[in-house]
Amino acid sequence: MATEVRNNNKLTFPIAYGATKADSDLVGAWWSEDREGYIQPAEFLLGRGGTVLGAMYASGPVGRMGADEAIRLITRRENMRKEEDAKAN
């Protein structure tokens, strides 16, 4: 699934599955050494052109971005863009 998302969107960075300690260091995510090491969430909501609209970092099992939060942010930004377009015309 992660490979399909990356390929379909022409992303050039590792996502989700297969993150390594080096990957976590690149994005500033926290790496846990217990249970043989794993990355804590470092989530990014990207807009058109790759602009980071929002990011969520966690140092434990709490702090994951909810789908409802992402949808709310996207909807708000889209509405703002429509309002700006309407004012410009």
PDB file of N, CA and C in Angstrom:
ATOM      1  N   MET A   1       0.813  -1.189   0.000  1.00  0.00           N
ATOM      2  CA  MET A   1       0.000   0.000   0.000  1.00  0.00           C
ATOM      3  C   MET A   1       0.862   1.260   0.000  1.00  0.00           C
ATOM      4  N   ALA A   2       1.882   1.318   0.848  1.00  0.00           N
ATOM      5  CA  ALA A   2       2.734   2.509   0.900  1.00  0.00           C
ATOM      6  C   ALA A   2       3.443   2.730  -0.436  1.00  0.00           C
ATOM      7  N   THR A   3       3.903   1.671  -1.057  1.00  0.00           N
ATOM      8  CA  THR A   3       4.578   1.790  -2.351  1.00  0.00           C
ATOM      9  C   THR A   3       3.614   2.321  -3.406  1.00  0.00           C
ATOM     10  N   GLU A   4       2.381   1.857  -3.377  1.00  0.00           N
ATOM     11  CA  GLU A   4       1.376   2.318  -4.330  1.00  0.00           C
ATOM     12  C   GLU A   4       1.099   3.814  -4.148  1.00  0.00           C
ATOM     13  N   VAL A   5       0.954   4.256  -2.908  1.00  0.00           N
ATOM     14  CA  VAL A   5       0.721   5.680  -2.628  1.00  0.00           C
ATOM     15  C   VAL A   5       1.903   6.501  -3.118  1.00  0.00           C
ATOM     16  N   ARG A   6       3.123   6.038  -2.806  1.00  0.00           N
ATOM     17  CA  ARG A   6       4.325   6.764  -3.226  1.00  0.00           C
ATOM     18  C   ARG A   6       4.401   6.861  -4.744  1.00  0.00           C
ATOM     19  N   ASN A   7       4.195   5.755  -5.427  1.00  0.00           N
ATOM     20  CA  ASN A   7       4.302   5.737  -6.890  1.00  0.00           C
ATOM     21  C   ASN A   7       3.197   6.541  -7.565  1.00  0.00           C
ATOM     22  N   ASN A   8       1.974   6.404  -7.086  1.00  0.00           N
ATOM     23  CA  ASN A   8       0.842   7.121  -7.688  1.00  0.00           C
ATOM     24  C   ASN A   8       0.960   8.632  -7.529  1.00  0.00           C
ATOM     25  N   ASN A   9       1.652   9.070  -6.486  1.00  0.00           N
ATOM     26  CA  ASN A   9       1.780  10.500  -6.223  1.00  0.00           C
ATOM     27  C   ASN A   9       3.175  11.039  -6.524  1.00  0.00           C
ATOM     28  N   LYS A  10       4.016  10.180  -7.114  1.00  0.00           N
ATOM     29  CA  LYS A  10       5.375  10.558  -7.509  1.00  0.00           C
ATOM     30  C   LYS A  10       6.169  11.152  -6.341  1.00  0.00           C
ATOM     31  N   LEU A  11       5.963  10.573  -5.147  1.00  0.00           N
ATOM     32  CA  LEU A  11       6.704  11.022  -3.972  1.00  0.00           C
ATOM     33  C   LEU A  11       8.130  10.490  -4.049  1.00  0.00           C
ATOM     34  N   THR A  12       9.060  11.233  -3.508  1.00  0.00           N
ATOM     35  CA  THR A  12      10.471  10.843  -3.605  1.00  0.00           C
ATOM     36  C   THR A  12      11.079  10.538  -2.245  1.00  0.00           C
ATOM     37  N   PHE A  13      10.225  10.340  -1.234  1.00  0.00           N
ATOM     38  CA  PHE A  13      10.739  10.045   0.105  1.00  0.00           C
ATOM     39  C   PHE A  13      10.029   8.808   0.649  1.00  0.00           C
ATOM     40  N   PRO A  14      10.662   8.104   1.579  1.00  0.00           N
ATOM     41  CA  PRO A  14      10.035   6.915   2.154  1.00  0.00           C
ATOM     42  C   PRO A  14       8.795   7.303   2.964  1.00  0.00           C
ATOM     43  N   ILE A  15       7.752   6.496   2.868  1.00  0.00           N
ATOM     44  CA  ILE A  15       6.555   6.746   3.653  1.00  0.00           C
ATOM     45  C   ILE A  15       6.136   5.473   4.379  1.00  0.00           C
ATOM     46  N   ALA A  16       5.610   5.651   5.568  1.00  0.00           N
ATOM     47  CA  ALA A  16       4.990   4.590   6.368  1.00  0.00           C
ATOM     48  C   ALA A  16       5.845   3.331   6.476  1.00  0.00           C
ATOM     49  N   TYR A  17       5.555   2.337   5.724  1.00  0.00           N
ATOM     50  CA  TYR A  17       6.162   1.025   5.879  1.00  0.00           C
ATOM     51  C   TYR A  17       7.657   1.051   5.563  1.00  0.00           C
ATOM     52  N   GLY A  18       8.451   0.485   6.436  1.00  0.00           N
ATOM     53  CA  GLY A  18       9.876   0.340   6.170  1.00  0.00           C
ATOM     54  C   GLY A  18      10.744   1.479   6.653  1.00  0.00           C
ATOM     55  N   ALA A  19      10.212   2.376   7.482  1.00  0.00           N
ATOM     56  CA  ALA A  19      11.015   3.501   7.979  1.00  0.00           C
ATOM     57  C   ALA A  19      12.152   2.984   8.848  1.00  0.00           C
ATOM     58  N   THR A  20      13.313   3.568   8.674  1.00  0.00           N
ATOM     59  CA  THR A  20      14.501   3.180   9.433  1.00  0.00           C
ATOM     60  C   THR A  20      14.875   4.280  10.421  1.00  0.00           C
ATOM     61  N   LYS A  21      15.843   4.011  11.263  1.00  0.00           N
ATOM     62  CA  LYS A  21      16.346   5.012  12.211  1.00  0.00           C
ATOM     63  C   LYS A  21      16.853   6.226  11.433  1.00  0.00           C
ATOM     64  N   ALA A  22      17.542   6.006  10.340  1.00  0.00           N
ATOM     65  CA  ALA A  22      18.044   7.113   9.513  1.00  0.00           C
ATOM     66  C   ALA A  22      16.880   7.946   8.967  1.00  0.00           C
ATOM     67  N   ASP A  23      15.782   7.290   8.562  1.00  0.00           N
ATOM     68  CA  ASP A  23      14.601   8.014   8.091  1.00  0.00           C
ATOM     69  C   ASP A  23      14.023   8.884   9.199  1.00  0.00           C
ATOM     70  N   SER A  24      13.948   8.327  10.397  1.00  0.00           N
ATOM     71  CA  SER A  24      13.381   9.097  11.507  1.00  0.00           C
ATOM     72  C   SER A  24      14.250  10.306  11.824  1.00  0.00           C
ATOM     73  N   ASP A  25      15.554  10.160  11.715  1.00  0.00           N
ATOM     74  CA  ASP A  25      16.461  11.286  11.959  1.00  0.00           C
ATOM     75  C   ASP A  25      16.265  12.395  10.921  1.00  0.00           C
ATOM     76  N   LEU A  26      15.990  12.018   9.674  1.00  0.00           N
ATOM     77  CA  LEU A  26      15.801  13.008   8.610  1.00  0.00           C
ATOM     78  C   LEU A  26      14.586  13.895   8.824  1.00  0.00           C
ATOM     79  N   VAL A  27      13.505  13.326   9.373  1.00  0.00           N
ATOM     80  CA  VAL A  27      12.285  14.105   9.569  1.00  0.00           C
ATOM     81  C   VAL A  27      12.093  14.568  11.003  1.00  0.00           C
ATOM     82  N   GLY A  28      13.034  14.226  11.869  1.00  0.00           N
ATOM     83  CA  GLY A  28      12.952  14.657  13.261  1.00  0.00           C
ATOM     84  C   GLY A  28      12.020  13.821  14.109  1.00  0.00           C
ATOM     85  N   ALA A  29      11.677  12.625  13.653  1.00  0.00           N
ATOM     86  CA  ALA A  29      10.789  11.746  14.419  1.00  0.00           C
ATOM     87  C   ALA A  29      11.566  11.077  15.550  1.00  0.00           C
ATOM     88  N   TRP A  30      10.846  10.707  16.572  1.00  0.00           N
ATOM     89  CA  TRP A  30      11.465  10.046  17.717  1.00  0.00           C
ATOM     90  C   TRP A  30      11.541   8.556  17.466  1.00  0.00           C
ATOM     91  N   TRP A  31      12.693   7.963  17.718  1.00  0.00           N
ATOM     92  CA  TRP A  31      12.921   6.537  17.508  1.00  0.00           C
ATOM     93  C   TRP A  31      13.000   5.851  18.853  1.00  0.00           C
ATOM     94  N   SER A  32      12.175   4.837  19.065  1.00  0.00           N
ATOM     95  CA  SER A  32      12.169   4.095  20.320  1.00  0.00           C
ATOM     96  C   SER A  32      13.123   2.918  20.216  1.00  0.00           C
ATOM     97  N   GLU A  33      13.913   2.714  21.244  1.00  0.00           N
ATOM     98  CA  GLU A  33      14.857   1.591  21.238  1.00  0.00           C
ATOM     99  C   GLU A  33      14.259   0.327  21.846  1.00  0.00           C
ATOM    100  N   ASP A  34      13.103   0.453  22.517  1.00  0.00           N
ATOM    101  CA  ASP A  34      12.500  -0.754  23.080  1.00  0.00           C
ATOM    102  C   ASP A  34      11.808  -1.552  21.978  1.00  0.00           C
ATOM    103  N   ARG A  35      11.494  -2.766  22.224  1.00  0.00           N
ATOM    104  CA  ARG A  35      10.869  -3.677  21.250  1.00  0.00           C
ATOM    105  C   ARG A  35      11.605  -3.675  19.916  1.00  0.00           C
ATOM    106  N   GLU A  36      12.908  -3.703  19.958  1.00  0.00           N
ATOM    107  CA  GLU A  36      13.776  -3.786  18.772  1.00  0.00           C
ATOM    108  C   GLU A  36      13.749  -2.524  17.918  1.00  0.00           C
ATOM    109  N   GLY A  37      13.293  -1.432  18.447  1.00  0.00           N
ATOM    110  CA  GLY A  37      13.326  -0.158  17.749  1.00  0.00           C
ATOM    111  C   GLY A  37      12.188   0.040  16.773  1.00  0.00           C
ATOM    112  N   TYR A  38      11.566   1.197  16.859  1.00  0.00           N
ATOM    113  CA  TYR A  38      10.503   1.551  15.919  1.00  0.00           C
ATOM    114  C   TYR A  38      10.351   3.068  15.923  1.00  0.00           C
ATOM    115  N   ILE A  39       9.788   3.571  14.860  1.00  0.00           N
ATOM    116  CA  ILE A  39       9.604   5.008  14.718  1.00  0.00           C
ATOM    117  C   ILE A  39       8.254   5.408  15.317  1.00  0.00           C
ATOM    118  N   GLN A  40       8.252   6.512  16.037  1.00  0.00           N
ATOM    119  CA  GLN A  40       6.985   7.074  16.503  1.00  0.00           C
ATOM    120  C   GLN A  40       6.428   7.947  15.381  1.00  0.00           C
ATOM    121  N   PRO A  41       5.150   8.254  15.417  1.00  0.00           N
ATOM    122  CA  PRO A  41       4.531   8.985  14.312  1.00  0.00           C
ATOM    123  C   PRO A  41       5.208  10.314  13.982  1.00  0.00           C
ATOM    124  N   ALA A  42       5.403  10.527  12.728  1.00  0.00           N
ATOM    125  CA  ALA A  42       5.825  11.810  12.170  1.00  0.00           C
ATOM    126  C   ALA A  42       4.995  11.955  10.903  1.00  0.00           C
ATOM    127  N   GLU A  43       3.865  12.619  11.038  1.00  0.00           N
ATOM    128  CA  GLU A  43       2.903  12.681   9.945  1.00  0.00           C
ATOM    129  C   GLU A  43       2.903  14.072   9.328  1.00  0.00           C
ATOM    130  N   PHE A  44       2.717  14.105   8.021  1.00  0.00           N
ATOM    131  CA  PHE A  44       2.693  15.373   7.295  1.00  0.00           C
ATOM    132  C   PHE A  44       1.476  15.396   6.392  1.00  0.00           C
ATOM    133  N   LEU A  45       0.769  16.495   6.402  1.00  0.00           N
ATOM    134  CA  LEU A  45      -0.344  16.707   5.484  1.00  0.00           C
ATOM    135  C   LEU A  45       0.163  17.670   4.428  1.00  0.00           C
ATOM    136  N   LEU A  46       0.263  17.180   3.183  1.00  0.00           N
ATOM    137  CA  LEU A  46       0.837  17.958   2.096  1.00  0.00           C
ATOM    138  C   LEU A  46      -0.249  18.547   1.214  1.00  0.00           C
ATOM    139  N   GLY A  47      -0.050  19.793   0.835  1.00  0.00           N
ATOM    140  CA  GLY A  47      -0.966  20.464  -0.078  1.00  0.00           C
ATOM    141  C   GLY A  47      -0.465  20.393  -1.497  1.00  0.00           C
ATOM    142  N   ARG A  48      -1.138  21.124  -2.344  1.00  0.00           N
ATOM    143  CA  ARG A  48      -0.720  21.186  -3.747  1.00  0.00           C
ATOM    144  C   ARG A  48       0.712  21.668  -3.826  1.00  0.00           C
ATOM    145  N   GLY A  49       1.487  21.082  -4.689  1.00  0.00           N
ATOM    146  CA  GLY A  49       2.867  21.502  -4.869  1.00  0.00           C
ATOM    147  C   GLY A  49       3.801  21.047  -3.765  1.00  0.00           C
ATOM    148  N   GLY A  50       3.310  20.198  -2.839  1.00  0.00           N
ATOM    149  CA  GLY A  50       4.168  19.665  -1.799  1.00  0.00           C
ATOM    150  C   GLY A  50       4.320  20.554  -0.575  1.00  0.00           C
ATOM    151  N   THR A  51       3.522  21.617  -0.465  1.00  0.00           N
ATOM    152  CA  THR A  51       3.578  22.483   0.703  1.00  0.00           C
ATOM    153  C   THR A  51       3.085  21.715   1.925  1.00  0.00           C
ATOM    154  N   VAL A  52       3.824  21.797   3.030  1.00  0.00           N
ATOM    155  CA  VAL A  52       3.396  21.147   4.263  1.00  0.00           C
ATOM    156  C   VAL A  52       2.314  22.007   4.907  1.00  0.00           C
ATOM    157  N   LEU A  53       1.104  21.466   4.993  1.00  0.00           N
ATOM    158  CA  LEU A  53      -0.027  22.175   5.593  1.00  0.00           C
ATOM    159  C   LEU A  53      -0.096  21.927   7.090  1.00  0.00           C
ATOM    160  N   GLY A  54       0.373  20.775   7.496  1.00  0.00           N
ATOM    161  CA  GLY A  54       0.338  20.420   8.905  1.00  0.00           C
ATOM    162  C   GLY A  54       1.267  19.259   9.167  1.00  0.00           C
ATOM    163  N   ALA A  55       1.725  19.166  10.394  1.00  0.00           N
ATOM    164  CA  ALA A  55       2.605  18.064  10.776  1.00  0.00           C
ATOM    165  C   ALA A  55       2.296  17.665  12.211  1.00  0.00           C
ATOM    166  N   MET A  56       2.521  16.400  12.520  1.00  0.00           N
ATOM    167  CA  MET A  56       2.285  15.891  13.859  1.00  0.00           C
ATOM    168  C   MET A  56       3.464  14.992  14.220  1.00  0.00           C
ATOM    169  N   TYR A  57       4.077  15.287  15.328  1.00  0.00           N
ATOM    170  CA  TYR A  57       5.170  14.468  15.834  1.00  0.00           C
ATOM    171  C   TYR A  57       4.762  13.902  17.183  1.00  0.00           C
ATOM    172  N   ALA A  58       5.191  12.711  17.512  1.00  0.00           N
ATOM    173  CA  ALA A  58       4.880  12.120  18.804  1.00  0.00           C
ATOM    174  C   ALA A  58       6.106  11.426  19.377  1.00  0.00           C
ATOM    175  N   SER A  59       6.160  11.367  20.689  1.00  0.00           N
ATOM    176  CA  SER A  59       7.239  10.646  21.365  1.00  0.00           C
ATOM    177  C   SER A  59       6.667   9.467  22.129  1.00  0.00           C
ATOM    178  N   GLY A  60       5.506   9.053  21.763  1.00  0.00           N
ATOM    179  CA  GLY A  60       4.842   7.921  22.389  1.00  0.00           C
ATOM    180  C   GLY A  60       3.624   7.532  21.579  1.00  0.00           C
ATOM    181  N   PRO A  61       2.797   6.643  22.126  1.00  0.00           N
ATOM    182  CA  PRO A  61       1.666   6.115  21.372  1.00  0.00           C
ATOM    183  C   PRO A  61       0.500   7.091  21.207  1.00  0.00           C
ATOM    184  N   VAL A  62       0.621   8.298  21.719  1.00  0.00           N
ATOM    185  CA  VAL A  62      -0.432   9.303  21.591  1.00  0.00           C
ATOM    186  C   VAL A  62       0.042  10.365  20.619  1.00  0.00           C
ATOM    187  N   GLY A  63      -0.861  11.004  19.899  1.00  0.00           N
ATOM    188  CA  GLY A  63      -0.474  12.114  19.046  1.00  0.00           C
ATOM    189  C   GLY A  63      -0.583  11.847  17.565  1.00  0.00           C
ATOM    190  N   ARG A  64      -1.362  10.876  17.203  1.00  0.00           N
ATOM    191  CA  ARG A  64      -1.547  10.608  15.780  1.00  0.00           C
ATOM    192  C   ARG A  64      -2.631  11.519  15.212  1.00  0.00           C
ATOM    193  N   MET A  65      -2.409  11.971  13.978  1.00  0.00           N
ATOM    194  CA  MET A  65      -3.366  12.844  13.305  1.00  0.00           C
ATOM    195  C   MET A  65      -4.601  12.025  12.933  1.00  0.00           C
ATOM    196  N   GLY A  66      -5.756  12.486  13.344  1.00  0.00           N
ATOM    197  CA  GLY A  66      -6.991  11.793  13.014  1.00  0.00           C
ATOM    198  C   GLY A  66      -7.472  12.187  11.629  1.00  0.00           C
ATOM    199  N   ALA A  67      -8.128  11.268  10.951  1.00  0.00           N
ATOM    200  CA  ALA A  67      -8.653  11.557   9.612  1.00  0.00           C
ATOM    201  C   ALA A  67      -9.627  12.722   9.658  1.00  0.00           C
ATOM    202  N   ASP A  68     -10.441  12.800  10.717  1.00  0.00           N
ATOM    203  CA  ASP A  68     -11.404  13.889  10.822  1.00  0.00           C
ATOM    204  C   ASP A  68     -10.703  15.241  10.932  1.00  0.00           C
ATOM    205  N   GLU A  69      -9.569  15.279  11.622  1.00  0.00           N
ATOM    206  CA  GLU A  69      -8.795  16.520  11.729  1.00  0.00           C
ATOM    207  C   GLU A  69      -8.216  16.919  10.372  1.00  0.00           C
ATOM    208  N   ALA A  70      -7.693  15.950   9.654  1.00  0.00           N
ATOM    209  CA  ALA A  70      -7.124  16.229   8.331  1.00  0.00           C
ATOM    210  C   ALA A  70      -8.204  16.735   7.380  1.00  0.00           C
ATOM    211  N   ILE A  71      -9.369  16.095   7.404  1.00  0.00           N
ATOM    212  CA  ILE A  71     -10.471  16.516   6.536  1.00  0.00           C
ATOM    213  C   ILE A  71     -10.915  17.928   6.888  1.00  0.00           C
ATOM    214  N   ARG A  72     -10.995  18.229   8.187  1.00  0.00           N
ATOM    215  CA  ARG A  72     -11.394  19.567   8.626  1.00  0.00           C
ATOM    216  C   ARG A  72     -10.405  20.619   8.134  1.00  0.00           C
ATOM    217  N   LEU A  73      -9.112  20.334   8.244  1.00  0.00           N
ATOM    218  CA  LEU A  73      -8.084  21.269   7.781  1.00  0.00           C
ATOM    219  C   LEU A  73      -8.163  21.463   6.266  1.00  0.00           C
ATOM    220  N   ILE A  74      -8.289  20.381   5.519  1.00  0.00           N
ATOM    221  CA  ILE A  74      -8.359  20.463   4.061  1.00  0.00           C
ATOM    222  C   ILE A  74      -9.605  21.244   3.636  1.00  0.00           C
ATOM    223  N   THR A  75     -10.750  20.934   4.252  1.00  0.00           N
ATOM    224  CA  THR A  75     -11.998  21.628   3.920  1.00  0.00           C
ATOM    225  C   THR A  75     -11.868  23.117   4.195  1.00  0.00           C
ATOM    226  N   ARG A  76     -11.290  23.470   5.331  1.00  0.00           N
ATOM    227  CA  ARG A  76     -11.121  24.881   5.679  1.00  0.00           C
ATOM    228  C   ARG A  76     -10.239  25.592   4.656  1.00  0.00           C
ATOM    229  N   ARG A  77      -9.137  24.973   4.292  1.00  0.00           N
ATOM    230  CA  ARG A  77      -8.224  25.585   3.322  1.00  0.00           C
ATOM    231  C   ARG A  77      -8.884  25.721   1.958  1.00  0.00           C
ATOM    232  N   GLU A  78      -9.638  24.719   1.550  1.00  0.00           N
ATOM    233  CA  GLU A  78     -10.324  24.780   0.259  1.00  0.00           C
ATOM    234  C   GLU A  78     -11.366  25.894   0.258  1.00  0.00           C
ATOM    235  N   ASN A  79     -12.101  26.032   1.354  1.00  0.00           N
ATOM    236  CA  ASN A  79     -13.103  27.104   1.451  1.00  0.00           C
ATOM    237  C   ASN A  79     -12.438  28.474   1.409  1.00  0.00           C
ATOM    238  N   MET A  80     -11.302  28.615   2.087  1.00  0.00           N
ATOM    239  CA  MET A  80     -10.573  29.883   2.072  1.00  0.00           C
ATOM    240  C   MET A  80     -10.094  30.194   0.653  1.00  0.00           C
ATOM    241  N   ARG A  81      -9.613  29.173  -0.053  1.00  0.00           N
ATOM    242  CA  ARG A  81      -9.139  29.374  -1.418  1.00  0.00           C
ATOM    243  C   ARG A  81     -10.288  29.814  -2.331  1.00  0.00           C
ATOM    244  N   LYS A  82     -11.462  29.196  -2.171  1.00  0.00           N
ATOM    245  CA  LYS A  82     -12.627  29.562  -2.971  1.00  0.00           C
ATOM    246  C   LYS A  82     -13.043  31.005  -2.687  1.00  0.00           C
ATOM    247  N   GLU A  83     -13.007  31.399  -1.412  1.00  0.00           N
ATOM    248  CA  GLU A  83     -13.360  32.777  -1.051  1.00  0.00           C
ATOM    249  C   GLU A  83     -12.384  33.772  -1.674  1.00  0.00           C
ATOM    250  N   GLU A  84     -11.087  33.443  -1.649  1.00  0.00           N
ATOM    251  CA  GLU A  84     -10.082  34.315  -2.243  1.00  0.00           C
ATOM    252  C   GLU A  84     -10.275  34.410  -3.749  1.00  0.00           C
ATOM    253  N   ASP A  85     -10.587  33.280  -4.393  1.00  0.00           N
ATOM    254  CA  ASP A  85     -10.832  33.280  -5.834  1.00  0.00           C
ATOM    255  C   ASP A  85     -12.054  34.140  -6.175  1.00  0.00           C
ATOM    256  N   ALA A  86     -13.101  34.027  -5.354  1.00  0.00           N
ATOM    257  CA  ALA A  86     -14.328  34.799  -5.597  1.00  0.00           C
ATOM    258  C   ALA A  86     -14.061  36.301  -5.448  1.00  0.00           C
ATOM    259  N   LYS A  87     -13.245  36.676  -4.487  1.00  0.00           N
ATOM    260  CA  LYS A  87     -12.921  38.088  -4.271  1.00  0.00           C
ATOM    261  C   LYS A  87     -12.086  38.625  -5.429  1.00  0.00           C
ATOM    262  N   ALA A  88     -11.227  37.789  -5.988  1.00  0.00           N
ATOM    263  CA  ALA A  88     -10.346  38.209  -7.082  1.00  0.00           C
ATOM    264  C   ALA A  88     -11.117  38.379  -8.382  1.00  0.00           C
ATOM    265  N   ASN A  89     -12.226  37.697  -8.522  1.00  0.00           N
ATOM    266  CA  ASN A  89     -13.010  37.773  -9.770  1.00  0.00           C
ATOM    267  C   ASN A  89     -14.069  38.770  -9.592  1.00  0.00           C
TER     268      ASN A  89
END
